[in-house]
């Protein structure tokens, strides 16, 4: 597994790791991979945050996936959140 996307070091809380995932409409993040990543970060850091950015309001399917990830991690030091904003358009230049 890879390193987190962002680390923040604090004097009082130690190292906090942040993982950001973008999900396209009608998609959800991998439950297994996401939970595994969070658990990996928690072995080395004080806390870990998974931020899932959705280009549409969170569907029932996405909310269920995030709840499943929380249950798989089962740690008070982990936070799994969803934020919503405009869809991100990826344009590949040739």
Protein backbone atom coordinates (compact mmCIF):
# COMPACT_ATOMS: atom_id res chain seq x y z
CA UNK A 1 0.00 0.00 0.00
CA UNK A 2 1.06 3.56 -0.56
CA UNK A 3 1.50 6.53 1.76
CA UNK A 4 -1.35 8.85 2.65
CA UNK A 5 -2.03 11.90 0.49
CA UNK A 6 -1.41 14.41 3.29
CA UNK A 7 0.24 14.32 6.70
CA UNK A 8 -0.17 16.93 9.42
CA UNK A 9 2.17 16.87 12.41
CA UNK A 10 1.00 18.46 15.64
CA UNK A 11 2.77 18.88 18.94
CA UNK A 12 -0.16 17.63 20.98
CA UNK A 13 -1.76 14.97 18.76
CA UNK A 14 1.18 13.59 16.79
CA UNK A 15 0.85 12.74 13.11
CA UNK A 16 -2.55 12.80 11.40
CA UNK A 17 -2.86 11.20 7.96
CA UNK A 18 -5.42 12.14 5.32
CA UNK A 19 -6.45 10.04 2.33
CA UNK A 20 -8.55 11.68 -0.39
CA UNK A 21 -10.66 9.72 -2.87
CA UNK A 22 -12.80 11.06 -5.69
CA UNK A 23 -15.78 8.98 -6.72
CA UNK A 24 -17.51 9.58 -10.01
CA UNK A 25 -21.31 9.46 -10.16
CA UNK A 26 -22.74 6.01 -9.46
CA UNK A 27 -19.39 4.72 -8.13
CA UNK A 28 -18.20 3.91 -4.63
CA UNK A 29 -14.72 3.52 -3.13
CA UNK A 30 -13.37 0.02 -2.57
CA UNK A 31 -14.42 -1.03 0.92
CA UNK A 32 -11.53 -3.47 1.37
CA UNK A 33 -8.79 -1.22 0.05
CA UNK A 34 -10.03 1.85 1.91
CA UNK A 35 -10.28 0.02 5.25
CA UNK A 36 -6.87 -1.57 4.71
CA UNK A 37 -5.30 1.83 3.98
CA UNK A 38 -6.80 3.42 7.10
CA UNK A 39 -5.65 0.53 9.31
CA UNK A 40 -2.14 0.80 7.81
CA UNK A 41 -1.96 4.50 8.62
CA UNK A 42 -3.27 3.93 12.16
CA UNK A 43 -0.35 1.60 12.89
CA UNK A 44 2.02 4.55 12.45
CA UNK A 45 -0.07 7.66 13.13
CA UNK A 46 -2.23 9.05 15.89
CA UNK A 47 -5.30 9.35 13.67
CA UNK A 48 -6.38 8.85 10.07
CA UNK A 49 -9.06 10.59 8.00
CA UNK A 50 -10.56 9.27 4.77
CA UNK A 51 -12.22 12.05 2.76
CA UNK A 52 -14.41 10.88 -0.13
CA UNK A 53 -15.31 13.62 -2.60
CA UNK A 54 -18.46 12.90 -4.58
CA UNK A 55 -19.47 14.85 -7.66
CA UNK A 56 -23.12 14.44 -6.69
CA UNK A 57 -25.11 14.17 -3.44
CA UNK A 58 -24.13 11.05 -1.51
CA UNK A 59 -26.34 8.17 -2.64
CA UNK A 60 -27.68 5.49 -0.34
CA UNK A 61 -25.12 3.13 -1.89
CA UNK A 62 -22.22 5.51 -1.13
CA UNK A 63 -23.43 6.16 2.43
CA UNK A 64 -23.67 2.40 2.96
CA UNK A 65 -20.14 1.87 1.64
CA UNK A 66 -18.74 4.53 3.97
CA UNK A 67 -20.56 3.00 6.95
CA UNK A 68 -19.14 -0.40 5.99
CA UNK A 69 -15.61 1.07 5.87
CA UNK A 70 -16.13 2.57 9.35
CA UNK A 71 -17.26 -0.81 10.68
CA UNK A 72 -14.29 -2.61 9.11
CA UNK A 73 -11.81 -0.17 10.67
CA UNK A 74 -13.49 0.03 14.09
CA UNK A 75 -11.24 2.66 15.60
CA UNK A 76 -12.06 5.86 17.46
CA UNK A 77 -8.88 7.27 15.85
CA UNK A 78 -10.33 6.94 12.33
CA UNK A 79 -12.75 9.27 10.62
CA UNK A 80 -14.52 8.56 7.32
CA UNK A 81 -16.33 11.51 5.76
CA UNK A 82 -17.99 12.36 2.47
CA UNK A 83 -18.06 15.79 0.93
CA UNK A 84 -20.00 16.83 -2.14
CA UNK A 85 -19.19 19.34 -4.83
CA UNK A 86 -19.38 19.83 -8.56
CA UNK A 87 -18.30 16.90 -10.73
CA UNK A 88 -14.66 16.91 -11.72
CA UNK A 89 -14.06 16.61 -15.45
CA UNK A 90 -10.85 14.93 -16.47
CA UNK A 91 -9.65 15.86 -19.91
CA UNK A 92 -6.81 13.90 -21.40
CA UNK A 93 -4.69 15.86 -23.78
CA UNK A 94 -3.06 14.03 -26.63
